[in-house]
Amino acid sequence: MDMTHEKLDPKVEDEISKVLKEGRVDKNVKPDGKGKEPCLLMDVERIIAFTDDLLPTKAMEASLWLVAVSTGARAITASNVLLSDIGSVILSDNGTTYLLKIKFRVTKGDPYWNHDVTLEGMLDEKSNTDPVYWINQHLQTSFGLSLNNRSKWILSETEKKLKLWDLSKDNMTQYLRRRAQNAGYPHDLFSFHSFRGGFMSSTMISMGINAHGRDSAIMYTAAVAGWIPNSKAQLRYCKNAVTSTVVSTRLADPEHSQSEVVDKALLGIEAFHNINLNEDFTKEIDIRKAIHSVRDAFKEKIKVDEIKEKTESETKRKREDYKRRTWKNAVSAYVKKNEEMEKEASEIYTKHKNYKSLRTRFATVLNVRVKVGIKHLIERVKNEDKIETIVDELTGLVGDEIEGKKEMRKHNKKAKFNCPEAFAREKDEKGQRKRIKWTEEEDEKLKEMVQKHYSFIEMAKELKGRFPNDCRDRLRNLKILENWKIENATFKKMKKRRVFEILKDDDDSDNNDDENDDDEFIDDDELRNSCKPTLKRRKIDEFNDLDVEDYDL
């Protein structure tokens, strides 16, 4: 229109103006209509309280949430804090709390920010609002360090570059939403940037609504979080705190002072965010914690002192694996002895796709039984059955494993079921099964089964006294397995090359029909026979209608 200098129809102008007005979106609101609700300190306290203590990452998450809501740190700032950025630990003037200095290296638009913040708290007294305590717990569990002896730290160059919170920006938001949902909040209420708004809103609420408190809050938060004082980016968070807590009718009423315009009833979680917490979901979390307590009480009765490995970490891992497997076996036996539960489980695992295969049948049945068993145990917990009664019942089902008398299985049950003769072999003085030399007849039988595409389990069934791994190792020693792989790769490579050559010379073949009529046709069987009969018998449709030249391998 600017090129022609023509005027628009008034109706068209009205429609365009309406569209432009509807298209204006507030920068603080996401396209789906859900804004970045500020996450206050009281919200973080509730989220940490509802996070399971058995969660290995609880200390890391709690320290991250509290530092963010106490400093207004962005996700890019938190994700770039290194272990070497933890500064000195100083006893405060009151003589009870400690001051911890942390350096923020990066912020939005400034990779060399190098901004220092100070946190206050206790080192050893647990509190869901204390960032210093949770940082200390995180350092102990993840790095083996403690703030109690910060001055004695000796970090290598590699350790100095380790990230304090090794999470990406997206993972931080996903972790927060998951934990917030466990605490009863809507799933999409918060993002990690909500801590920045929560820092400003929490400060405004604590400082008060009077002019002096408001000015102090704006000045101090701007210095800590990196805002320009009284900028739009900062004041929009002030707006959230004011509109959510101020009673507008009291502003015009002369009987109320400025300190009375904020009602304490509006400072609650549901009133501030205008939401209803999902109490049913929190009850489910409590029930889940009760099941965890049943599992932990059961594992404590398992004796694993005889399980020892070369290193402590390997010994610990083996013992935990044994406890976990014993717990699953106990729940599976609990389901198996009850006809109704076993019938419910069988209806599920018999329809599962992995039930048809012998290799995955046992694991499928076990996992389904465990899920069904835990569901029934949850019902018993809801009916207020005692945890001790449930644990005693489960331990009675796997007595040998509880006492540590049952040997840790190196071979699974399906191998024992398929190869009973191999498990029945005589043992030597060390308790290991005696080795048996391979005969020529067994080698010939192995070669025949390879050509018929037997699995290793099927080979072990035919060869009495052999394990599936024995058959695999013997084929490898005879170099049959390697030859099969090489030949199969050769065939695939040859097929691709011949198809490419035929397509490339397609035009030439059209012009020389008479010459191509005399070419010899190579069918699928002849092609495979040239690559030895150990390959899979698969049809190749591309070669059925193609006239190709003889190809020497």
Foldseek 3Di string as FASTA:
>chain_A
DVVVPDDDDPVVVVVVVVVVVVPDDDPQADPVRAGAAAQALVLQLLLLVLDDPPDLCSLVLLLVLLVCLQQVAAQVQQQQFAPLQWDAWAQDPVRAKIKTKGFRQDDVPHNGPRAIDIAIGHCDDDDSNHSNPSLQVLCCSPPVDGNVPVVPDDDDPVRRRHRSRNDHQVVSQQVVLVSSVLSQDDSPNHGSSSSNLNNLLNQDVVQADDPVSNQVSQVVSCSRRVHDRPDPVRVVSVVLNCVQFFDVVLVPDPVDDRRPRGDVVSVDPCSSSVHDGDVVSNVVSVLVVVVVVLLVVLLVLADLPVQDDDDPVVSVVVSVVLSVVLVLVLLLLVQVVDPVSLVVLCVPLVPDPQCVDLVCNVVSSSVSSNVSSVVVVSVVVVVVDDSVVVSVSSCVRPVCRRHVNDDDDPDDPSQCVLAVQQVPADADPVRHHDDDDDDPVLVVVLVVVLLVVDQLSRSNNVVHNDTSVRSVVVCVVVCVVVLQVVLQVVLVVVVVVQVVVCVVCVVVCVVPVVVLVPADQQADVNSVVLSPSSYDDDHDPVRPPDRGHDDHD
